[in-house]
């Protein structure tokens, strides 16, 4: 019997709602409903009834849930016993797309635990789909991936197939990074058509499903492909008229490099960063803490976006 399904059923009973339970569990409601149906099929009876008062346990369901909660309580006690008797250490692996707010969060988490006797933190920065693969294949326990909002259904299906739970951290438009003395730097209402004559720098981790242009719009386009964002920024600084698309970041950092970020309208220009982890794995306290710090840094990132996009 799947212990995670017992937790799902207990949360449904607690909230009296599949929708609220799914939200609390950071999963989609249809997936939660299917899991409960599988549990009911395994038990051979209905656990819940839908009534005017919401979702309520059946008579057999009440007995089942009582035992289920006893089992879960015992499992929690065993986890606490393990934590109590184990050396205090932090060991986790995070795979993430490259973003300043994520780097800040990881640094803040590491700073909190510099006094610990043991700390093992693996932080991998890679492409969006690779993040999903790393977590899905149990190479990393936690991930932060990114996708265009227009491709949300594609990515959500991919994550569901890999048995991953996900929840959104931040939503944002990509901005154009260029030198502060670029001829377009002060142009108001910039669009992607204004960039046609200039050289675009594209770094490898950003080659993911994106908005679509017609084939004609790509003819004569000048591009420089690099594998690293820092290399991309260097190209923008050194190649006359060069620019690159990037997620919003620190204005101070950009200015220190002689760069600026500018709003530029283009089709499908909305992206989402989401945290992901495996549905069948219990999160450690260290992982929960890191996620909370990431979420706090995402809030700060949103404020930067608000200032830039005003």
C-alpha atoms as a PDB file:
ATOM      1  CA  UNK A   1       0.000   0.000   0.000  1.00  0.00           C
ATOM      2  CA  UNK A   2       1.302   3.439  -0.975  1.00  0.00           C
ATOM      3  CA  UNK A   3       1.932   5.555   2.140  1.00  0.00           C
ATOM      4  CA  UNK A   4       1.698   8.706   0.048  1.00  0.00           C
ATOM      5  CA  UNK A   5      -1.871   7.768  -0.921  1.00  0.00           C
ATOM      6  CA  UNK A   6      -2.711   7.498   2.795  1.00  0.00           C
ATOM      7  CA  UNK A   7      -1.440  11.043   3.265  1.00  0.00           C
ATOM      8  CA  UNK A   8      -3.579  12.186   0.346  1.00  0.00           C
ATOM      9  CA  UNK A   9      -6.712  10.601   1.850  1.00  0.00           C
ATOM     10  CA  UNK A  10      -5.977  12.100   5.271  1.00  0.00           C
ATOM     11  CA  UNK A  11      -5.608  15.568   3.740  1.00  0.00           C
ATOM     12  CA  UNK A  12      -8.908  15.221   1.858  1.00  0.00           C
ATOM     13  CA  UNK A  13     -10.647  14.296   5.104  1.00  0.00           C
ATOM     14  CA  UNK A  14      -8.989  17.202   6.908  1.00  0.00           C
ATOM     15  CA  UNK A  15     -10.028  19.815   4.320  1.00  0.00           C
ATOM     16  CA  UNK A  16     -13.325  18.253   3.179  1.00  0.00           C
ATOM     17  CA  UNK A  17     -12.347  19.214  -0.340  1.00  0.00           C
ATOM     18  CA  UNK A  18     -10.294  17.622  -3.121  1.00  0.00           C
ATOM     19  CA  UNK A  19      -9.496  21.074  -4.508  1.00  0.00           C
ATOM     20  CA  UNK A  20      -8.162  22.454  -1.220  1.00  0.00           C
ATOM     21  CA  UNK A  21      -6.326  19.226  -0.412  1.00  0.00           C
ATOM     22  CA  UNK A  22      -4.612  19.301  -3.823  1.00  0.00           C
ATOM     23  CA  UNK A  23      -3.579  22.907  -3.233  1.00  0.00           C
ATOM     24  CA  UNK A  24      -2.174  22.066   0.201  1.00  0.00           C
ATOM     25  CA  UNK A  25      -0.260  19.134  -1.287  1.00  0.00           C
ATOM     26  CA  UNK A  26       1.083  21.205  -4.217  1.00  0.00           C
ATOM     27  CA  UNK A  27      -0.449  18.914  -6.823  1.00  0.00           C
ATOM     28  CA  UNK A  28      -3.240  19.107  -9.362  1.00  0.00           C
ATOM     29  CA  UNK A  29      -6.736  18.065  -8.340  1.00  0.00           C
ATOM     30  CA  UNK A  30      -7.349  15.431 -11.074  1.00  0.00           C
ATOM     31  CA  UNK A  31      -4.165  13.606 -10.064  1.00  0.00           C
ATOM     32  CA  UNK A  32      -5.256  13.616  -6.408  1.00  0.00           C
ATOM     33  CA  UNK A  33      -8.689  12.270  -7.356  1.00  0.00           C
ATOM     34  CA  UNK A  34      -7.127   9.453  -9.372  1.00  0.00           C
ATOM     35  CA  UNK A  35      -4.835   8.519  -6.475  1.00  0.00           C
ATOM     36  CA  UNK A  36      -7.801   8.286  -4.079  1.00  0.00           C
ATOM     37  CA  UNK A  37      -9.761   6.204  -6.598  1.00  0.00           C
ATOM     38  CA  UNK A  38      -6.805   3.814  -6.874  1.00  0.00           C
ATOM     39  CA  UNK A  39      -6.721   3.560  -3.086  1.00  0.00           C
ATOM     40  CA  UNK A  40     -10.466   2.844  -2.976  1.00  0.00           C
ATOM     41  CA  UNK A  41     -10.070   0.211  -5.687  1.00  0.00           C
ATOM     42  CA  UNK A  42      -7.281  -1.424  -3.707  1.00  0.00           C
ATOM     43  CA  UNK A  43      -9.392  -1.429  -0.510  1.00  0.00           C
ATOM     44  CA  UNK A  44     -12.552  -2.593  -2.267  1.00  0.00           C
ATOM     45  CA  UNK A  45     -14.857   0.144  -0.902  1.00  0.00           C
ATOM     46  CA  UNK A  46     -15.533   3.872  -1.195  1.00  0.00           C
ATOM     47  CA  UNK A  47     -13.666   6.037   1.287  1.00  0.00           C
ATOM     48  CA  UNK A  48     -15.492   9.303   0.542  1.00  0.00           C
ATOM     49  CA  UNK A  49     -18.928  10.527  -0.447  1.00  0.00           C
ATOM     50  CA  UNK A  50     -19.727  13.858  -2.094  1.00  0.00           C
ATOM     51  CA  UNK A  51     -22.498  15.675  -0.218  1.00  0.00           C
ATOM     52  CA  UNK A  52     -23.913  19.166   0.105  1.00  0.00           C
ATOM     53  CA  UNK A  53     -21.542  19.589   3.029  1.00  0.00           C
ATOM     54  CA  UNK A  54     -18.568  18.723   0.867  1.00  0.00           C
ATOM     55  CA  UNK A  55     -16.461  15.555   0.847  1.00  0.00           C
ATOM     56  CA  UNK A  56     -17.199  13.314   3.832  1.00  0.00           C
ATOM     57  CA  UNK A  57     -15.959   9.807   4.709  1.00  0.00           C
ATOM     58  CA  UNK A  58     -18.232   6.810   4.300  1.00  0.00           C
ATOM     59  CA  UNK A  59     -18.788   4.563   7.300  1.00  0.00           C
ATOM     60  CA  UNK A  60     -16.069   2.198   6.058  1.00  0.00           C
ATOM     61  CA  UNK A  61     -13.975   5.239   5.146  1.00  0.00           C
ATOM     62  CA  UNK A  62     -14.067   6.540   8.722  1.00  0.00           C
ATOM     63  CA  UNK A  63     -12.616   3.302  10.027  1.00  0.00           C
ATOM     64  CA  UNK A  64     -10.043   3.198   7.243  1.00  0.00           C
ATOM     65  CA  UNK A  65      -8.943   6.794   7.868  1.00  0.00           C
ATOM     66  CA  UNK A  66      -8.626   6.181  11.590  1.00  0.00           C
ATOM     67  CA  UNK A  67      -6.198   3.331  10.953  1.00  0.00           C
ATOM     68  CA  UNK A  68      -4.458   5.263   8.177  1.00  0.00           C
ATOM     69  CA  UNK A  69      -3.763   8.209  10.479  1.00  0.00           C
ATOM     70  CA  UNK A  70      -2.424   5.855  13.123  1.00  0.00           C
ATOM     71  CA  UNK A  71      -0.026   4.386  10.547  1.00  0.00           C
ATOM     72  CA  UNK A  72       1.062   7.842   9.408  1.00  0.00           C
ATOM     73  CA  UNK A  73       1.604   8.945  12.997  1.00  0.00           C
ATOM     74  CA  UNK A  74       3.845   5.919  13.574  1.00  0.00           C
ATOM     75  CA  UNK A  75       5.796   6.677  10.388  1.00  0.00           C
ATOM     76  CA  UNK A  76       6.301  10.267  11.568  1.00  0.00           C
ATOM     77  CA  UNK A  77       7.526   8.992  14.935  1.00  0.00           C
ATOM     78  CA  UNK A  78      10.041   6.727  13.181  1.00  0.00           C
ATOM     79  CA  UNK A  79      11.252   9.667  11.081  1.00  0.00           C
ATOM     80  CA  UNK A  80      11.685  11.744  14.232  1.00  0.00           C
ATOM     81  CA  UNK A  81      13.575   8.893  15.889  1.00  0.00           C
ATOM     82  CA  UNK A  82      15.863   8.686  12.883  1.00  0.00           C
ATOM     83  CA  UNK A  83      16.511  12.437  12.972  1.00  0.00           C
ATOM     84  CA  UNK A  84      17.121  12.349  16.719  1.00  0.00           C
ATOM     85  CA  UNK A  85      19.700   9.566  16.575  1.00  0.00           C
ATOM     86  CA  UNK A  86      21.395  10.601  13.362  1.00  0.00           C
ATOM     87  CA  UNK A  87      24.279  13.040  13.333  1.00  0.00           C
ATOM     88  CA  UNK A  88      23.014  16.487  12.524  1.00  0.00           C
ATOM     89  CA  UNK A  89      23.917  16.978   8.919  1.00  0.00           C
ATOM     90  CA  UNK A  90      22.530  18.520   5.764  1.00  0.00           C
ATOM     91  CA  UNK A  91      22.820  16.623   2.509  1.00  0.00           C
ATOM     92  CA  UNK A  92      20.763  17.631  -0.497  1.00  0.00           C
ATOM     93  CA  UNK A  93      21.101  18.070  -4.232  1.00  0.00           C
ATOM     94  CA  UNK A  94      19.409  20.869  -6.158  1.00  0.00           C
ATOM     95  CA  UNK A  95      19.267  21.088  -9.953  1.00  0.00           C
ATOM     96  CA  UNK A  96      18.089  24.457 -11.253  1.00  0.00           C
ATOM     97  CA  UNK A  97      17.995  26.782 -14.202  1.00  0.00           C
ATOM     98  CA  UNK A  98      20.382  29.667 -13.788  1.00  0.00           C
ATOM     99  CA  UNK A  99      18.788  32.604 -11.959  1.00  0.00           C
ATOM    100  CA  UNK A 100      20.173  35.200  -9.602  1.00  0.00           C
ATOM    101  CA  UNK A 101      17.436  34.714  -7.006  1.00  0.00           C
ATOM    102  CA  UNK A 102      18.139  30.951  -6.877  1.00  0.00           C
ATOM    103  CA  UNK A 103      21.865  31.563  -6.422  1.00  0.00           C
ATOM    104  CA  UNK A 104      21.067  34.000  -3.590  1.00  0.00           C
ATOM    105  CA  UNK A 105      18.789  31.434  -1.932  1.00  0.00           C
ATOM    106  CA  UNK A 106      21.373  28.644  -2.080  1.00  0.00           C
ATOM    107  CA  UNK A 107      24.039  30.970  -0.669  1.00  0.00           C
ATOM    108  CA  UNK A 108      21.694  32.043   2.157  1.00  0.00           C
ATOM    109  CA  UNK A 109      20.890  28.407   2.971  1.00  0.00           C
ATOM    110  CA  UNK A 110      24.571  27.456   3.010  1.00  0.00           C
ATOM    111  CA  UNK A 111      25.372  30.463   5.233  1.00  0.00           C
ATOM    112  CA  UNK A 112      22.817  29.254   7.784  1.00  0.00           C
ATOM    113  CA  UNK A 113      24.664  25.944   8.182  1.00  0.00           C
ATOM    114  CA  UNK A 114      28.337  26.870   8.015  1.00  0.00           C
ATOM    115  CA  UNK A 115      28.657  25.941  11.704  1.00  0.00           C
ATOM    116  CA  UNK A 116      27.381  22.401  11.189  1.00  0.00           C
ATOM    117  CA  UNK A 117      29.813  19.500  11.489  1.00  0.00           C
ATOM    118  CA  UNK A 118      28.519  17.979   8.283  1.00  0.00           C
ATOM    119  CA  UNK A 119      26.972  19.700   5.291  1.00  0.00           C
ATOM    120  CA  UNK A 120      26.830  18.391   1.742  1.00  0.00           C
ATOM    121  CA  UNK A 121      25.077  20.670  -0.724  1.00  0.00           C
ATOM    122  CA  UNK A 122      25.201  19.885  -4.443  1.00  0.00           C
ATOM    123  CA  UNK A 123      23.986  22.733  -6.641  1.00  0.00           C
ATOM    124  CA  UNK A 124      23.738  22.050 -10.386  1.00  0.00           C
ATOM    125  CA  UNK A 125      22.824  24.781 -12.857  1.00  0.00           C
ATOM    126  CA  UNK A 126      21.541  23.340 -16.110  1.00  0.00           C
ATOM    127  CA  UNK A 127      18.810  23.555 -18.765  1.00  0.00           C
ATOM    128  CA  UNK A 128      15.079  23.390 -18.039  1.00  0.00           C
ATOM    129  CA  UNK A 129      14.397  19.890 -19.376  1.00  0.00           C
ATOM    130  CA  UNK A 130      17.608  18.565 -17.855  1.00  0.00           C
ATOM    131  CA  UNK A 131      16.388  19.741 -14.440  1.00  0.00           C
ATOM    132  CA  UNK A 132      13.246  17.633 -14.879  1.00  0.00           C
ATOM    133  CA  UNK A 133      15.323  14.635 -15.933  1.00  0.00           C
ATOM    134  CA  UNK A 134      17.744  14.988 -13.009  1.00  0.00           C
ATOM    135  CA  UNK A 135      14.935  15.020 -10.459  1.00  0.00           C
ATOM    136  CA  UNK A 136      12.830  12.405 -12.246  1.00  0.00           C
ATOM    137  CA  UNK A 137      15.790  10.024 -12.443  1.00  0.00           C
ATOM    138  CA  UNK A 138      16.561  10.546  -8.710  1.00  0.00           C
ATOM    139  CA  UNK A 139      19.943  12.137  -9.392  1.00  0.00           C
ATOM    140  CA  UNK A 140      18.760  15.261  -7.552  1.00  0.00           C
ATOM    141  CA  UNK A 141      16.094  15.438  -4.869  1.00  0.00           C
ATOM    142  CA  UNK A 142      14.930  18.966  -5.678  1.00  0.00           C
ATOM    143  CA  UNK A 143      14.721  21.045  -8.832  1.00  0.00           C
ATOM    144  CA  UNK A 144      13.721  24.441 -10.162  1.00  0.00           C
ATOM    145  CA  UNK A 145      12.812  24.403 -13.830  1.00  0.00           C
ATOM    146  CA  UNK A 146      11.525  27.018 -16.250  1.00  0.00           C
ATOM    147  CA  UNK A 147       9.195  26.987 -19.216  1.00  0.00           C
ATOM    148  CA  UNK A 148       7.256  29.404 -21.437  1.00  0.00           C
ATOM    149  CA  UNK A 149       3.685  29.802 -20.183  1.00  0.00           C
ATOM    150  CA  UNK A 150       2.494  28.872 -23.681  1.00  0.00           C
ATOM    151  CA  UNK A 151       4.076  25.426 -23.167  1.00  0.00           C
ATOM    152  CA  UNK A 152       2.751  24.908 -19.634  1.00  0.00           C
ATOM    153  CA  UNK A 153       0.615  21.895 -20.591  1.00  0.00           C
ATOM    154  CA  UNK A 154       3.580  20.211 -22.322  1.00  0.00           C
ATOM    155  CA  UNK A 155       5.844  20.613 -19.288  1.00  0.00           C
ATOM    156  CA  UNK A 156       3.164  19.727 -16.752  1.00  0.00           C
ATOM    157  CA  UNK A 157       2.437  16.519 -18.656  1.00  0.00           C
ATOM    158  CA  UNK A 158       6.165  15.736 -18.757  1.00  0.00           C
ATOM    159  CA  UNK A 159       6.483  16.270 -14.998  1.00  0.00           C
ATOM    160  CA  UNK A 160       3.389  14.204 -14.283  1.00  0.00           C
ATOM    161  CA  UNK A 161       4.784  11.321 -16.353  1.00  0.00           C
ATOM    162  CA  UNK A 162       7.914  11.415 -14.202  1.00  0.00           C
ATOM    163  CA  UNK A 163       5.827  11.350 -10.997  1.00  0.00           C
ATOM    164  CA  UNK A 164       6.871  14.862  -9.991  1.00  0.00           C
ATOM    165  CA  UNK A 165       5.069  17.389  -7.812  1.00  0.00           C
ATOM    166  CA  UNK A 166       5.425  21.021  -8.880  1.00  0.00           C
ATOM    167  CA  UNK A 167       4.360  24.474  -7.761  1.00  0.00           C
ATOM    168  CA  UNK A 168       4.980  27.891  -9.259  1.00  0.00           C
ATOM    169  CA  UNK A 169       7.600  30.189  -7.746  1.00  0.00           C
ATOM    170  CA  UNK A 170       7.604  33.200 -10.042  1.00  0.00           C
ATOM    171  CA  UNK A 171       6.224  34.332 -13.408  1.00  0.00           C
ATOM    172  CA  UNK A 172       8.006  36.922 -15.535  1.00  0.00           C
ATOM    173  CA  UNK A 173       8.729  38.234 -19.041  1.00  0.00           C
ATOM    174  CA  UNK A 174      12.202  37.911 -20.513  1.00  0.00           C
ATOM    175  CA  UNK A 175      13.961  41.258 -20.931  1.00  0.00           C
ATOM    176  CA  UNK A 176      16.557  42.385 -23.459  1.00  0.00           C
ATOM    177  CA  UNK A 177      20.069  42.846 -22.089  1.00  0.00           C
ATOM    178  CA  UNK A 178      22.224  45.335 -23.998  1.00  0.00           C
ATOM    179  CA  UNK A 179      24.994  47.834 -23.384  1.00  0.00           C
ATOM    180  CA  UNK A 180      23.738  50.997 -21.693  1.00  0.00           C
ATOM    181  CA  UNK A 181      24.918  53.045 -24.709  1.00  0.00           C
ATOM    182  CA  UNK A 182      23.163  50.758 -27.233  1.00  0.00           C
ATOM    183  CA  UNK A 183      21.215  52.734 -29.824  1.00  0.00           C
ATOM    184  CA  UNK A 184      17.977  51.092 -28.610  1.00  0.00           C
ATOM    185  CA  UNK A 185      18.635  51.473 -24.880  1.00  0.00           C
ATOM    186  CA  UNK A 186      16.456  54.581 -24.513  1.00  0.00           C
ATOM    187  CA  UNK A 187      13.788  53.657 -27.055  1.00  0.00           C
ATOM    188  CA  UNK A 188      10.289  53.514 -25.596  1.00  0.00           C
ATOM    189  CA  UNK A 189       7.935  50.623 -26.461  1.00  0.00           C
ATOM    190  CA  UNK A 190      10.676  48.418 -27.842  1.00  0.00           C
ATOM    191  CA  UNK A 191       9.537  45.374 -29.870  1.00  0.00           C
ATOM    192  CA  UNK A 192      11.418  42.342 -31.185  1.00  0.00           C
ATOM    193  CA  UNK A 193      11.179  43.823 -34.714  1.00  0.00           C
ATOM    194  CA  UNK A 194      13.480  46.670 -33.610  1.00  0.00           C
ATOM    195  CA  UNK A 195      16.178  44.066 -32.921  1.00  0.00           C
ATOM    196  CA  UNK A 196      16.193  42.536 -36.405  1.00  0.00           C
ATOM    197  CA  UNK A 197      19.377  44.243 -37.592  1.00  0.00           C
ATOM    198  CA  UNK A 198      21.374  43.488 -34.447  1.00  0.00           C
ATOM    199  CA  UNK A 199      23.315  40.389 -33.363  1.00  0.00           C
ATOM    200  CA  UNK A 200      21.525  38.140 -30.857  1.00  0.00           C
ATOM    201  CA  UNK A 201      23.566  36.213 -28.323  1.00  0.00           C
ATOM    202  CA  UNK A 202      21.919  32.913 -27.331  1.00  0.00           C
ATOM    203  CA  UNK A 203      23.267  30.736 -24.543  1.00  0.00           C
ATOM    204  CA  UNK A 204      22.818  26.966 -24.613  1.00  0.00           C
ATOM    205  CA  UNK A 205      20.538  26.455 -21.619  1.00  0.00           C
ATOM    206  CA  UNK A 206      17.962  28.750 -23.208  1.00  0.00           C
ATOM    207  CA  UNK A 207      17.450  26.559 -26.286  1.00  0.00           C
ATOM    208  CA  UNK A 208      14.085  25.222 -25.098  1.00  0.00           C
ATOM    209  CA  UNK A 209      10.597  25.211 -26.670  1.00  0.00           C
ATOM    210  CA  UNK A 210       9.815  28.862 -27.192  1.00  0.00           C
ATOM    211  CA  UNK A 211       7.414  31.191 -28.982  1.00  0.00           C
ATOM    212  CA  UNK A 212       7.299  30.693 -32.747  1.00  0.00           C
ATOM    213  CA  UNK A 213       8.141  33.071 -35.562  1.00  0.00           C
ATOM    214  CA  UNK A 214       7.592  32.464 -39.243  1.00  0.00           C
ATOM    215  CA  UNK A 215      10.539  31.167 -41.260  1.00  0.00           C
ATOM    216  CA  UNK A 216      10.708  34.504 -43.111  1.00  0.00           C
ATOM    217  CA  UNK A 217      11.282  36.413 -39.864  1.00  0.00           C
ATOM    218  CA  UNK A 218      14.466  34.349 -39.239  1.00  0.00           C
ATOM    219  CA  UNK A 219      16.078  35.016 -42.617  1.00  0.00           C
ATOM    220  CA  UNK A 220      19.259  37.064 -42.377  1.00  0.00           C
ATOM    221  CA  UNK A 221      19.249  36.882 -38.578  1.00  0.00           C
ATOM    222  CA  UNK A 222      22.675  37.262 -36.932  1.00  0.00           C
ATOM    223  CA  UNK A 223      23.284  34.988 -33.934  1.00  0.00           C
ATOM    224  CA  UNK A 224      26.139  34.011 -31.643  1.00  0.00           C
ATOM    225  CA  UNK A 225      25.612  30.778 -29.686  1.00  0.00           C
ATOM    226  CA  UNK A 226      27.427  30.284 -26.395  1.00  0.00           C
ATOM    227  CA  UNK A 227      27.111  27.660 -23.646  1.00  0.00           C
ATOM    228  CA  UNK A 228      27.343  29.942 -20.629  1.00  0.00           C
ATOM    229  CA  UNK A 229      25.406  33.037 -19.589  1.00  0.00           C
ATOM    230  CA  UNK A 230      28.567  34.846 -18.426  1.00  0.00           C
ATOM    231  CA  UNK A 231      30.095  34.247 -21.858  1.00  0.00           C
ATOM    232  CA  UNK A 232      26.908  35.623 -23.369  1.00  0.00           C
ATOM    233  CA  UNK A 233      27.135  38.800 -21.313  1.00  0.00           C
ATOM    234  CA  UNK A 234      30.768  39.184 -22.345  1.00  0.00           C
ATOM    235  CA  UNK A 235      29.715  38.966 -25.995  1.00  0.00           C
ATOM    236  CA  UNK A 236      27.026  41.595 -25.419  1.00  0.00           C
ATOM    237  CA  UNK A 237      29.659  43.908 -23.925  1.00  0.00           C
ATOM    238  CA  UNK A 238      32.236  43.381 -26.684  1.00  0.00           C
ATOM    239  CA  UNK A 239      30.244  42.872 -29.911  1.00  0.00           C
ATOM    240  CA  UNK A 240      28.846  46.178 -31.243  1.00  0.00           C
ATOM    241  CA  UNK A 241      25.045  46.228 -31.140  1.00  0.00           C
ATOM    242  CA  UNK A 242      24.762  42.748 -29.604  1.00  0.00           C
ATOM    243  CA  UNK A 243      21.922  41.842 -27.242  1.00  0.00           C
ATOM    244  CA  UNK A 244      20.538  38.808 -25.432  1.00  0.00           C
ATOM    245  CA  UNK A 245      17.243  37.776 -23.818  1.00  0.00           C
ATOM    246  CA  UNK A 246      17.403  37.009 -20.127  1.00  0.00           C
ATOM    247  CA  UNK A 247      15.249  36.722 -17.016  1.00  0.00           C
ATOM    248  CA  UNK A 248      15.070  39.918 -14.935  1.00  0.00           C
ATOM    249  CA  UNK A 249      18.016  40.318 -12.583  1.00  0.00           C
ATOM    250  CA  UNK A 250      19.748  42.786 -10.313  1.00  0.00           C
ATOM    251  CA  UNK A 251      19.866  46.267 -11.801  1.00  0.00           C
ATOM    252  CA  UNK A 252      23.015  47.017  -9.804  1.00  0.00           C
ATOM    253  CA  UNK A 253      24.775  43.951 -11.223  1.00  0.00           C
ATOM    254  CA  UNK A 254      23.871  44.897 -14.777  1.00  0.00           C
ATOM    255  CA  UNK A 255      24.988  48.491 -14.352  1.00  0.00           C
ATOM    256  CA  UNK A 256      28.285  47.349 -12.835  1.00  0.00           C
ATOM    257  CA  UNK A 257      28.927  45.501 -16.106  1.00  0.00           C
ATOM    258  CA  UNK A 258      27.864  48.440 -18.244  1.00  0.00           C
ATOM    259  CA  UNK A 259      24.609  46.706 -19.202  1.00  0.00           C
ATOM    260  CA  UNK A 260      20.913  47.485 -18.894  1.00  0.00           C
ATOM    261  CA  UNK A 261      17.717  45.427 -19.136  1.00  0.00           C
ATOM    262  CA  UNK A 262      14.841  46.726 -21.201  1.00  0.00           C
ATOM    263  CA  UNK A 263      11.240  45.655 -21.696  1.00  0.00           C
ATOM    264  CA  UNK A 264      10.653  44.379 -25.220  1.00  0.00           C
ATOM    265  CA  UNK A 265       7.366  42.978 -26.461  1.00  0.00           C
ATOM    266  CA  UNK A 266       7.432  39.719 -28.385  1.00  0.00           C
ATOM    267  CA  UNK A 267       4.938  36.882 -28.880  1.00  0.00           C
ATOM    268  CA  UNK A 268       4.673  34.404 -26.027  1.00  0.00           C
ATOM    269  CA  UNK A 269       7.028  36.326 -23.766  1.00  0.00           C
ATOM    270  CA  UNK A 270       5.960  34.950 -20.402  1.00  0.00           C
ATOM    271  CA  UNK A 271       7.891  32.342 -18.441  1.00  0.00           C
ATOM    272  CA  UNK A 272       7.350  30.432 -15.223  1.00  0.00           C
ATOM    273  CA  UNK A 273       9.848  29.064 -12.725  1.00  0.00           C
ATOM    274  CA  UNK A 274       8.510  26.088 -10.767  1.00  0.00           C
ATOM    275  CA  UNK A 275       9.922  23.992  -7.929  1.00  0.00           C
ATOM    276  CA  UNK A 276       9.757  20.244  -8.488  1.00  0.00           C
ATOM    277  CA  UNK A 277      10.365  17.145  -6.392  1.00  0.00           C
ATOM    278  CA  UNK A 278       9.380  13.500  -6.565  1.00  0.00           C
ATOM    279  CA  UNK A 279       5.922  12.611  -5.344  1.00  0.00           C
ATOM    280  CA  UNK A 280       7.060   9.325  -3.809  1.00  0.00           C
ATOM    281  CA  UNK A 281       9.807  10.841  -1.654  1.00  0.00           C
ATOM    282  CA  UNK A 282       9.382  12.488   1.722  1.00  0.00           C
ATOM    283  CA  UNK A 283      11.099  15.871   1.828  1.00  0.00           C
ATOM    284  CA  UNK A 284      13.759  16.382   4.464  1.00  0.00           C
ATOM    285  CA  UNK A 285      13.657  19.385   6.796  1.00  0.00           C
ATOM    286  CA  UNK A 286      16.711  20.750   4.970  1.00  0.00           C
ATOM    287  CA  UNK A 287      14.914  20.574   1.613  1.00  0.00           C
ATOM    288  CA  UNK A 288      11.819  22.246   3.049  1.00  0.00           C
ATOM    289  CA  UNK A 289      13.969  25.023   4.497  1.00  0.00           C
ATOM    290  CA  UNK A 290      15.800  25.559   1.210  1.00  0.00           C
ATOM    291  CA  UNK A 291      12.481  25.779  -0.641  1.00  0.00           C
ATOM    292  CA  UNK A 292      11.191  28.393   1.813  1.00  0.00           C
ATOM    293  CA  UNK A 293      14.309  30.489   1.241  1.00  0.00           C
ATOM    294  CA  UNK A 294      13.941  30.092  -2.540  1.00  0.00           C
ATOM    295  CA  UNK A 295      10.303  31.232  -2.290  1.00  0.00           C
ATOM    296  CA  UNK A 296      11.344  34.299  -0.266  1.00  0.00           C
ATOM    297  CA  UNK A 297      13.993  35.185  -2.844  1.00  0.00           C
ATOM    298  CA  UNK A 298      11.411  34.683  -5.619  1.00  0.00           C
ATOM    299  CA  UNK A 299       9.224  37.313  -3.924  1.00  0.00           C
ATOM    300  CA  UNK A 300      12.175  39.733  -3.991  1.00  0.00           C
ATOM    301  CA  UNK A 301      12.744  38.852  -7.636  1.00  0.00           C
ATOM    302  CA  UNK A 302       9.119  39.719  -8.396  1.00  0.00           C
ATOM    303  CA  UNK A 303       9.664  43.158  -6.881  1.00  0.00           C
ATOM    304  CA  UNK A 304      12.657  43.690  -9.172  1.00  0.00           C
ATOM    305  CA  UNK A 305      10.462  42.699 -12.111  1.00  0.00           C
ATOM    306  CA  UNK A 306       7.784  45.170 -11.019  1.00  0.00           C
ATOM    307  CA  UNK A 307      10.316  48.020 -10.893  1.00  0.00           C
ATOM    308  CA  UNK A 308      11.825  47.194 -14.275  1.00  0.00           C
ATOM    309  CA  UNK A 309       8.510  46.702 -16.052  1.00  0.00           C
ATOM    310  CA  UNK A 310       6.830  49.888 -14.787  1.00  0.00           C
END
